[in-house]
Amino acid sequence: MSRQHARTDDELTALIGELVSLETENPPGNEKRAAEFIHGWLTDRDIDATLVDEPYADRPQVAARVGEGAPTVVLNGHIDVVPAGDLDEWSHPPYAADIDDGRLYGRGSADMKTGVAVGMMALAELGAEIDDGDRSGSVVFHAAIGEETGEPGTKTLLERGYDGDYGVVLEPTEMRTATSEKGLAWYEITVEGDPSHASRPGQGDNAITNARPVLDALEAYDEEIADREDDLVGQAHATITKIEAGTKENVVPEDAVITIDRRFLPSESADAIDEEIDALLADVEADHGIETSWERTRTYESAAIDTDSDLADVFRRHSAEHADVSTDPWGVKGSTDVRNFVNDADIEAITWGPGKLGQAHTYDEHVDLAAAAVGLRTLNASVRELLE
């Protein structure tokens, strides 16, 4: 390894550690300290960076740009993380950024502060090359809020003009290039009942009992849609994840709320799924004489671009060269802000980054620092080709 690579790798490690050490849990949405740190880091390097106080004034996000004109490549990362959970389950404190055997531990290390750090370092390096006249075009960087809870952080940055010709969402994919992703919709279904004292259960109408045919219908629905498959992201799912009912041990519950997690394919839409849920509940009501209502509480639309796009081809080739990564077409089974690029801004975009997606949201979440360094070199090489 050259001395320059060693210095860069050390700087990247330090930057990942700084970001991980800043607790940015969402909920409630504690991104402000990280946004201010990133803004300061960029401006210290004479990079044109802005704290954007939209969509929420108390939760700023960062947008930055180097260079002018086309082509423009947008590097996107989110700075919020899911809560650390039970601290006793962590072998390394979640915000200590401990390094052990070449791995950096902490909440957000994989998802996705390593991606954010790689994007920041790439922006600085490529910006210097553009300023020196060695590279044309421009690079935009996002440090977005609210991805973990489906908030319009990235969407707002794109709407405010921090957009481009290509987008790279730097989620942990082990440097595989994803050209599609599943959508996600959460539904809350309320089953009605009528409360009474449990000593007189016949006086009321038990919402939990009424929920049984709804649960049966949802399980049948999940089995039915399992036949819907996509070559890159797999099959559709409708998974019952929560049921809440009752207020007290001796009260017949007046309602029961069932939550389902509906994972859908690029060929499906949330509006069409709404119609399926509506029809399913109408059938249950007609067959069993119960009353229900439903609400879609969160939506991440699915997204896809051409598997043979120029952007995907560039990243596949460089990932294979630098990290021996498969060049087979691939998709993400989760949901990312790439949908805002593809669906909302009509920008060709991929999900790509160092780190393992399987580490996201886990206890003792960690990232391999050597892989992160390779990721930075791969990102720089890929963007350089796009800017030629």
Protein backbone atom coordinates (compact mmCIF):
# COMPACT_ATOMS: atom_id res chain seq x y z
CA MET A 1 0.00 0.00 0.00
CA SER A 2 1.30 3.45 -0.91
CA ARG A 3 1.84 6.13 1.73
CA GLN A 4 -0.91 8.20 0.10
CA HIS A 5 -3.37 5.29 0.36
CA ALA A 6 -2.35 4.71 3.98
CA ARG A 7 -2.95 8.38 4.86
CA THR A 8 -6.30 8.36 3.08
CA ASP A 9 -7.34 5.14 4.80
CA ASP A 10 -6.43 6.58 8.21
CA GLU A 11 -8.41 9.74 7.47
CA LEU A 12 -11.40 7.67 6.38
CA THR A 13 -11.25 5.57 9.55
CA ALA A 14 -11.13 8.71 11.69
CA LEU A 15 -14.05 10.23 9.81
CA ILE A 16 -16.22 7.12 10.16
CA GLY A 17 -15.43 7.10 13.88
CA GLU A 18 -16.38 10.76 14.26
CA LEU A 19 -19.71 10.22 12.54
CA VAL A 20 -20.56 7.07 14.50
CA SER A 21 -19.74 8.79 17.78
CA LEU A 22 -22.44 11.40 17.09
CA GLU A 23 -25.76 9.87 18.21
CA THR A 24 -28.36 10.59 15.51
CA GLU A 25 -31.21 8.28 16.49
CA ASN A 26 -34.48 8.51 14.59
CA PRO A 27 -36.93 8.52 16.17
CA PRO A 28 -36.80 11.14 17.52
CA GLY A 29 -34.59 12.69 14.81
CA ASN A 30 -31.30 13.79 16.39
CA GLU A 31 -29.40 14.52 13.18
CA LYS A 32 -28.48 18.15 13.91
CA ARG A 33 -25.03 17.61 15.51
CA ALA A 34 -23.93 15.33 12.67
CA ALA A 35 -25.19 17.76 10.04
CA GLU A 36 -23.26 20.61 11.65
CA PHE A 37 -20.12 18.47 11.88
CA ILE A 38 -20.34 17.46 8.21
CA HIS A 39 -20.96 21.04 7.13
CA GLY A 40 -17.90 22.18 9.09
CA TRP A 41 -15.73 19.36 7.71
CA LEU A 42 -16.64 20.30 4.15
CA THR A 43 -16.29 24.06 4.53
CA ASP A 44 -12.90 23.59 6.21
CA ARG A 45 -11.84 22.09 2.88
CA ASP A 46 -13.24 25.05 0.89
CA ILE A 47 -16.16 22.98 -0.42
CA ASP A 48 -19.37 24.87 -1.14
CA ALA A 49 -21.71 23.33 1.46
CA THR A 50 -25.09 24.44 2.79
CA LEU A 51 -27.10 23.56 5.88
CA VAL A 52 -30.61 23.08 4.52
CA ASP A 53 -33.31 23.71 7.13
CA GLU A 54 -36.02 21.99 5.11
CA PRO A 55 -38.22 20.04 5.51
CA TYR A 56 -37.70 20.66 9.26
CA ALA A 57 -35.99 23.74 10.70
CA ASP A 58 -34.70 21.88 13.77
CA ARG A 59 -33.27 18.96 11.77
CA PRO A 60 -30.90 20.45 9.18
CA GLN A 61 -29.36 18.39 6.42
CA VAL A 62 -26.35 19.09 4.25
CA ALA A 63 -25.97 19.65 0.52
CA ALA A 64 -22.64 20.36 -1.15
CA ARG A 65 -21.31 20.78 -4.67
CA VAL A 66 -17.93 20.78 -6.41
CA GLY A 67 -17.45 21.78 -10.03
CA GLU A 68 -19.92 23.12 -12.54
CA GLY A 69 -21.88 21.74 -15.45
CA ALA A 70 -22.62 18.30 -16.77
CA PRO A 71 -22.38 15.51 -16.17
CA THR A 72 -23.32 15.78 -12.50
CA VAL A 73 -23.06 12.80 -10.17
CA VAL A 74 -25.00 12.93 -6.89
CA LEU A 75 -23.60 11.00 -3.91
CA ASN A 76 -26.33 10.43 -1.34
CA GLY A 77 -26.27 9.21 2.25
CA HIS A 78 -28.57 9.50 5.26
CA ILE A 79 -27.28 10.51 8.69
CA ASP A 80 -30.12 9.20 10.87
CA VAL A 81 -29.83 5.79 12.53
CA VAL A 82 -32.30 3.51 14.25
CA PRO A 83 -32.25 3.52 18.08
CA ALA A 84 -29.52 1.45 19.70
CA GLY A 85 -32.00 -0.57 21.79
CA ASP A 86 -30.93 -2.46 24.90
CA LEU A 87 -27.44 -1.17 25.69
CA ASP A 88 -26.66 -4.34 27.67
CA GLU A 89 -26.83 -6.31 24.41
CA TRP A 90 -23.85 -4.41 22.97
CA SER A 91 -20.34 -5.81 23.48
CA HIS A 92 -19.01 -2.42 22.33
CA PRO A 93 -20.92 0.73 23.37
CA PRO A 94 -23.00 1.86 20.39
CA TYR A 95 -21.46 5.34 20.19
CA ALA A 96 -17.89 4.62 21.25
CA ALA A 97 -16.72 3.81 17.70
CA ASP A 98 -14.46 1.08 19.08
CA ILE A 99 -12.05 -0.57 16.65
CA ASP A 100 -11.34 -4.26 17.15
CA ASP A 101 -9.60 -6.61 14.70
CA GLY A 102 -10.03 -4.24 11.74
CA ARG A 103 -13.70 -3.57 12.42
CA LEU A 104 -15.28 -0.35 13.66
CA TYR A 105 -18.29 -0.96 15.91
CA GLY A 106 -21.28 1.27 16.55
CA ARG A 107 -24.82 2.12 15.63
CA GLY A 108 -24.84 3.39 12.08
CA SER A 109 -21.37 2.11 11.23
CA ALA A 110 -22.82 0.00 8.41
CA ASP A 111 -26.14 1.77 7.91
CA MET A 112 -24.86 4.12 6.77
CA LYS A 113 -22.25 6.44 8.20
CA THR A 114 -19.49 4.60 6.40
CA GLY A 115 -21.29 5.43 3.16
CA VAL A 116 -21.60 9.06 4.25
CA ALA A 117 -17.89 9.21 5.12
CA VAL A 118 -16.92 7.63 1.79
CA GLY A 119 -19.10 10.19 -0.01
CA MET A 120 -17.48 13.08 1.88
CA MET A 121 -13.96 11.86 1.13
CA ALA A 122 -14.78 11.27 -2.53
CA LEU A 123 -16.28 14.74 -2.84
CA ALA A 124 -13.10 16.31 -1.43
CA GLU A 125 -10.75 14.29 -3.64
CA LEU A 126 -12.76 14.69 -6.84
CA GLY A 127 -13.32 18.37 -6.08
CA ALA A 128 -9.57 18.94 -5.97
CA GLU A 129 -9.18 17.24 -9.36
CA ILE A 130 -11.98 19.34 -10.85
CA ASP A 131 -10.44 22.54 -9.45
CA ASP A 132 -7.08 21.59 -10.96
CA GLY A 133 -8.70 21.13 -14.38
CA ASP A 134 -8.05 17.39 -14.43
CA ARG A 135 -11.75 16.53 -14.44
CA SER A 136 -14.89 18.03 -15.97
CA GLY A 137 -18.46 18.03 -14.72
CA SER A 138 -19.57 18.27 -11.11
CA VAL A 139 -20.33 16.21 -8.01
CA VAL A 140 -23.14 16.86 -5.52
CA PHE A 141 -23.22 15.39 -2.03
CA HIS A 142 -26.23 14.82 0.27
CA ALA A 143 -26.23 14.14 4.00
CA ALA A 144 -29.96 13.59 4.34
CA ILE A 145 -32.24 13.26 7.35
CA GLY A 146 -35.18 10.97 7.99
CA GLU A 147 -34.49 7.97 5.77
CA GLU A 148 -35.15 5.45 8.55
CA THR A 149 -38.70 6.75 9.00
CA GLY A 150 -39.59 7.51 5.39
CA GLU A 151 -39.35 11.30 5.72
CA PRO A 152 -38.70 13.55 2.71
CA GLY A 153 -35.08 14.46 3.40
CA THR A 154 -33.55 13.31 0.12
CA LYS A 155 -36.70 14.26 -1.79
CA THR A 156 -36.43 17.83 -0.47
CA LEU A 157 -32.75 18.15 -1.41
CA LEU A 158 -33.49 17.01 -4.96
CA GLU A 159 -36.41 19.43 -5.21
CA ARG A 160 -34.18 22.29 -4.04
CA GLY A 161 -31.86 21.77 -7.01
CA TYR A 162 -29.23 19.48 -5.54
CA ASP A 163 -29.78 17.00 -8.35
CA GLY A 164 -27.88 15.72 -11.36
CA ASP A 165 -27.56 13.25 -14.19
CA TYR A 166 -26.69 10.22 -12.04
CA GLY A 167 -27.36 9.24 -8.44
CA VAL A 168 -25.51 6.85 -6.14
CA VAL A 169 -27.21 6.00 -2.84
CA LEU A 170 -24.33 4.81 -0.67
CA GLU A 171 -26.12 2.14 1.37
CA PRO A 172 -24.16 -1.00 2.38
CA THR A 173 -24.42 -3.50 -0.48
CA GLU A 174 -20.90 -5.01 -0.25
CA MET A 175 -20.29 -3.00 -3.42
CA ARG A 176 -22.83 -4.91 -5.47
CA THR A 177 -24.71 -2.65 -7.84
CA ALA A 178 -28.48 -2.62 -7.27
CA THR A 179 -30.66 -1.34 -10.08
CA SER A 180 -33.98 -2.11 -8.39
CA GLU A 181 -35.50 -2.37 -4.95
CA LYS A 182 -38.68 -3.54 -3.29
CA GLY A 183 -41.30 -1.14 -2.07
CA LEU A 184 -42.69 -1.11 1.47
CA ALA A 185 -46.15 -0.22 2.73
CA TRP A 186 -47.33 -0.47 6.33
CA TYR A 187 -51.04 -0.86 6.99
CA GLU A 188 -52.99 -0.57 10.23
CA ILE A 189 -56.29 -2.44 10.14
CA THR A 190 -58.78 -1.69 12.90
CA VAL A 191 -61.34 -4.36 13.77
CA GLU A 192 -64.36 -3.01 15.64
CA GLY A 193 -66.05 -4.45 18.72
CA ASP A 194 -68.17 -3.24 21.62
CA PRO A 195 -66.79 -3.00 25.16
CA SER A 196 -68.35 -4.55 28.23
CA HIS A 197 -67.31 -5.84 31.64
CA ALA A 198 -65.60 -9.23 31.32
CA SER A 199 -68.06 -10.62 33.89
CA ARG A 200 -70.77 -10.03 31.25
CA PRO A 201 -68.93 -10.85 28.00
CA GLY A 202 -72.14 -11.50 26.09
CA GLN A 203 -73.16 -7.89 26.61
CA GLY A 204 -70.24 -6.73 24.47
CA ASP A 205 -68.65 -7.73 21.17
CA ASN A 206 -65.04 -8.89 21.53
CA ALA A 207 -62.79 -7.20 18.95
CA ILE A 208 -60.12 -9.87 19.41
CA THR A 209 -62.58 -12.59 18.45
CA ASN A 210 -63.67 -10.50 15.49
CA ALA A 211 -60.02 -10.17 14.42
CA ARG A 212 -59.63 -13.91 13.85
CA PRO A 213 -61.15 -14.00 10.33
CA VAL A 214 -59.16 -10.92 9.41
CA LEU A 215 -55.94 -12.63 10.48
CA ASP A 216 -56.93 -15.74 8.52
CA ALA A 217 -57.64 -13.64 5.42
CA LEU A 218 -54.30 -11.85 5.72
CA GLU A 219 -52.41 -15.13 5.99
CA ALA A 220 -54.21 -16.40 2.88
CA TYR A 221 -53.36 -13.16 1.10
CA ASP A 222 -49.67 -13.58 1.96
CA GLU A 223 -49.71 -17.10 0.50
CA GLU A 224 -51.47 -15.84 -2.63
CA ILE A 225 -49.03 -13.02 -3.42
CA ALA A 226 -46.00 -15.25 -2.81
CA ASP A 227 -46.41 -16.28 -6.46
CA ARG A 228 -45.51 -12.74 -7.51
CA GLU A 229 -41.76 -12.67 -8.07
CA ASP A 230 -39.12 -10.42 -9.53
CA ASP A 231 -35.82 -11.79 -10.85
CA LEU A 232 -33.78 -9.25 -8.89
CA VAL A 233 -35.65 -8.60 -5.63
CA GLY A 234 -37.51 -11.86 -5.02
CA GLN A 235 -41.11 -12.37 -3.96
CA ALA A 236 -43.83 -10.18 -2.52
CA HIS A 237 -44.81 -10.51 1.15
CA ALA A 238 -47.61 -9.42 3.49
CA THR A 239 -46.43 -10.10 7.03
CA ILE A 240 -48.50 -9.55 10.17
CA THR A 241 -46.11 -7.77 12.54
CA LYS A 242 -48.28 -6.38 15.36
CA ILE A 243 -51.69 -6.78 17.00
CA GLU A 244 -52.83 -4.44 19.75
CA ALA A 245 -56.08 -4.78 21.70
CA GLY A 246 -57.53 -4.28 25.14
CA THR A 247 -57.25 -1.66 27.84
CA LYS A 248 -57.68 -3.70 31.04
CA GLU A 249 -57.84 -7.32 32.14
CA ASN A 250 -61.56 -7.21 32.94
CA VAL A 251 -62.78 -5.25 29.91
CA VAL A 252 -63.95 -6.82 26.66
CA PRO A 253 -61.91 -4.88 24.04
CA GLU A 254 -63.75 -2.52 21.74
CA ASP A 255 -61.16 -2.60 18.95
CA ALA A 256 -58.12 -4.52 17.78
CA VAL A 257 -55.43 -3.00 15.53
CA ILE A 258 -53.49 -5.29 13.22
CA THR A 259 -50.32 -4.07 11.50
CA ILE A 260 -49.00 -5.65 8.32
CA ASP A 261 -45.71 -5.06 6.51
CA ARG A 262 -46.34 -5.33 2.75
CA ARG A 263 -43.19 -5.72 0.64
CA PHE A 264 -43.95 -5.12 -3.02
CA LEU A 265 -42.24 -5.45 -6.37
CA PRO A 266 -41.35 -2.83 -8.98
CA SER A 267 -44.28 -4.16 -11.04
CA GLU A 268 -46.72 -3.36 -8.20
CA SER A 269 -47.91 -0.03 -6.81
CA ALA A 270 -49.14 1.17 -3.44
CA ASP A 271 -52.43 2.32 -4.96
CA ALA A 272 -53.09 -1.15 -6.37
CA ILE A 273 -52.28 -2.71 -2.99
CA ASP A 274 -54.74 -0.33 -1.34
CA GLU A 275 -57.42 -1.79 -3.59
CA GLU A 276 -56.41 -5.34 -2.64
CA ILE A 277 -56.59 -4.58 1.10
CA ASP A 278 -59.96 -2.87 0.61
CA ALA A 279 -61.36 -5.86 -1.27
CA LEU A 280 -59.98 -8.35 1.27
CA LEU A 281 -61.64 -6.55 4.18
CA ALA A 282 -64.91 -6.09 2.29
CA ASP A 283 -65.08 -9.86 1.80
CA VAL A 284 -64.38 -10.51 5.50
CA GLU A 285 -67.04 -8.00 6.54
CA ALA A 286 -69.60 -9.57 4.23
CA ASP A 287 -68.84 -13.12 5.35
CA HIS A 288 -68.58 -12.48 9.11
CA GLY A 289 -70.67 -9.40 9.80
CA ILE A 290 -67.86 -7.38 11.39
CA GLU A 291 -66.73 -3.80 10.87
CA THR A 292 -63.19 -2.82 9.89
CA SER A 293 -61.25 0.19 8.70
CA TRP A 294 -57.68 0.60 7.47
CA GLU A 295 -54.94 3.18 6.96
CA ARG A 296 -51.65 3.04 5.07
CA THR A 297 -49.29 4.61 7.58
CA ARG A 298 -45.99 4.58 5.69
CA THR A 299 -44.93 4.03 2.11
CA TYR A 300 -41.59 3.52 0.39
CA GLU A 301 -42.30 3.12 -3.32
CA SER A 302 -40.40 0.49 -5.28
CA ALA A 303 -37.95 1.71 -7.91
CA ALA A 304 -36.04 0.27 -10.87
CA ILE A 305 -33.83 1.37 -13.74
CA ASP A 306 -32.54 -0.56 -16.75
CA THR A 307 -30.18 -3.29 -15.55
CA ASP A 308 -27.88 -2.44 -18.49
CA SER A 309 -27.69 1.29 -17.76
CA ASP A 310 -24.35 3.04 -18.28
CA LEU A 311 -24.23 3.98 -14.60
CA ALA A 312 -24.69 0.40 -13.44
CA ASP A 313 -22.15 -0.86 -15.96
CA VAL A 314 -19.48 1.54 -14.71
CA PHE A 315 -19.95 0.60 -11.07
CA ARG A 316 -20.12 -3.14 -11.78
CA ARG A 317 -16.83 -3.06 -13.70
CA HIS A 318 -14.92 -1.05 -11.11
CA SER A 319 -16.34 -3.08 -8.22
CA ALA A 320 -15.23 -6.29 -9.92
CA GLU A 321 -11.77 -4.85 -10.57
CA HIS A 322 -11.18 -3.45 -7.07
CA ALA A 323 -13.06 -5.94 -4.88
CA ASP A 324 -13.85 -9.02 -7.01
CA VAL A 325 -17.57 -8.27 -6.73
CA SER A 326 -20.11 -10.09 -8.91
CA THR A 327 -21.23 -8.26 -12.03
CA ASP A 328 -24.56 -10.11 -12.18
CA PRO A 329 -27.67 -7.91 -12.19
CA TRP A 330 -28.97 -7.49 -8.66
CA GLY A 331 -31.65 -5.77 -6.59
CA VAL A 332 -32.17 -4.74 -2.97
CA LYS A 333 -34.92 -6.44 -0.97
CA GLY A 334 -35.16 -3.48 1.40
CA SER A 335 -36.05 0.13 0.64
CA THR A 336 -33.75 3.13 0.24
CA ASP A 337 -33.91 6.76 -0.88
CA VAL A 338 -33.03 5.67 -4.42
CA ARG A 339 -36.79 5.82 -5.04
CA ASN A 340 -36.62 9.62 -4.69
CA PHE A 341 -34.05 9.79 -7.49
CA VAL A 342 -35.81 7.39 -9.85
CA ASN A 343 -39.48 8.07 -9.16
CA ASP A 344 -39.57 11.68 -8.01
CA ALA A 345 -36.66 13.30 -9.87
CA ASP A 346 -36.40 10.99 -12.91
CA ILE A 347 -32.67 10.52 -12.32
CA GLU A 348 -30.82 7.33 -13.24
CA ALA A 349 -29.64 6.01 -9.88
CA ILE A 350 -28.27 2.93 -8.16
CA THR A 351 -27.87 1.69 -4.61
CA TRP A 352 -24.21 0.88 -3.99
CA GLY A 353 -21.74 1.07 -1.12
CA PRO A 354 -19.25 -0.69 1.16
CA GLY A 355 -20.46 -2.59 4.21
CA LYS A 356 -22.85 -5.47 4.75
CA LEU A 357 -26.58 -4.86 4.71
CA GLY A 358 -26.96 -7.75 7.16
CA GLN A 359 -25.25 -5.59 9.80
CA ALA A 360 -27.92 -2.89 9.62
CA HIS A 361 -29.98 -2.41 12.80
CA THR A 362 -28.16 -5.21 14.67
CA TYR A 363 -26.49 -5.26 18.08
CA ASP A 364 -22.72 -4.85 17.68
CA GLU A 365 -23.25 -3.38 14.22
CA HIS A 366 -19.86 -2.96 12.56
CA VAL A 367 -18.02 -2.28 9.34
CA ASP A 368 -14.81 -3.75 7.97
CA LEU A 369 -12.41 -0.83 7.61
CA ALA A 370 -10.36 -2.41 4.84
CA ALA A 371 -13.54 -2.90 2.80
CA ALA A 372 -14.50 0.72 3.46
CA ALA A 373 -11.14 1.87 2.08
CA VAL A 374 -11.59 -0.26 -1.04
CA GLY A 375 -15.07 1.22 -1.35
CA LEU A 376 -13.67 4.74 -1.42
CA ARG A 377 -11.16 3.86 -4.14
CA THR A 378 -13.86 2.11 -6.15
CA LEU A 379 -16.24 5.06 -5.83
CA ASN A 380 -13.55 7.51 -6.94
CA ALA A 381 -12.64 5.39 -9.96
CA SER A 382 -16.30 4.98 -10.97
CA VAL A 383 -17.15 8.67 -10.69
CA ARG A 384 -13.99 9.63 -12.55
CA GLU A 385 -15.12 7.53 -15.49
CA LEU A 386 -18.58 9.11 -15.42
CA LEU A 387 -17.00 12.58 -15.46
CA GLU A 388 -14.71 11.87 -18.42
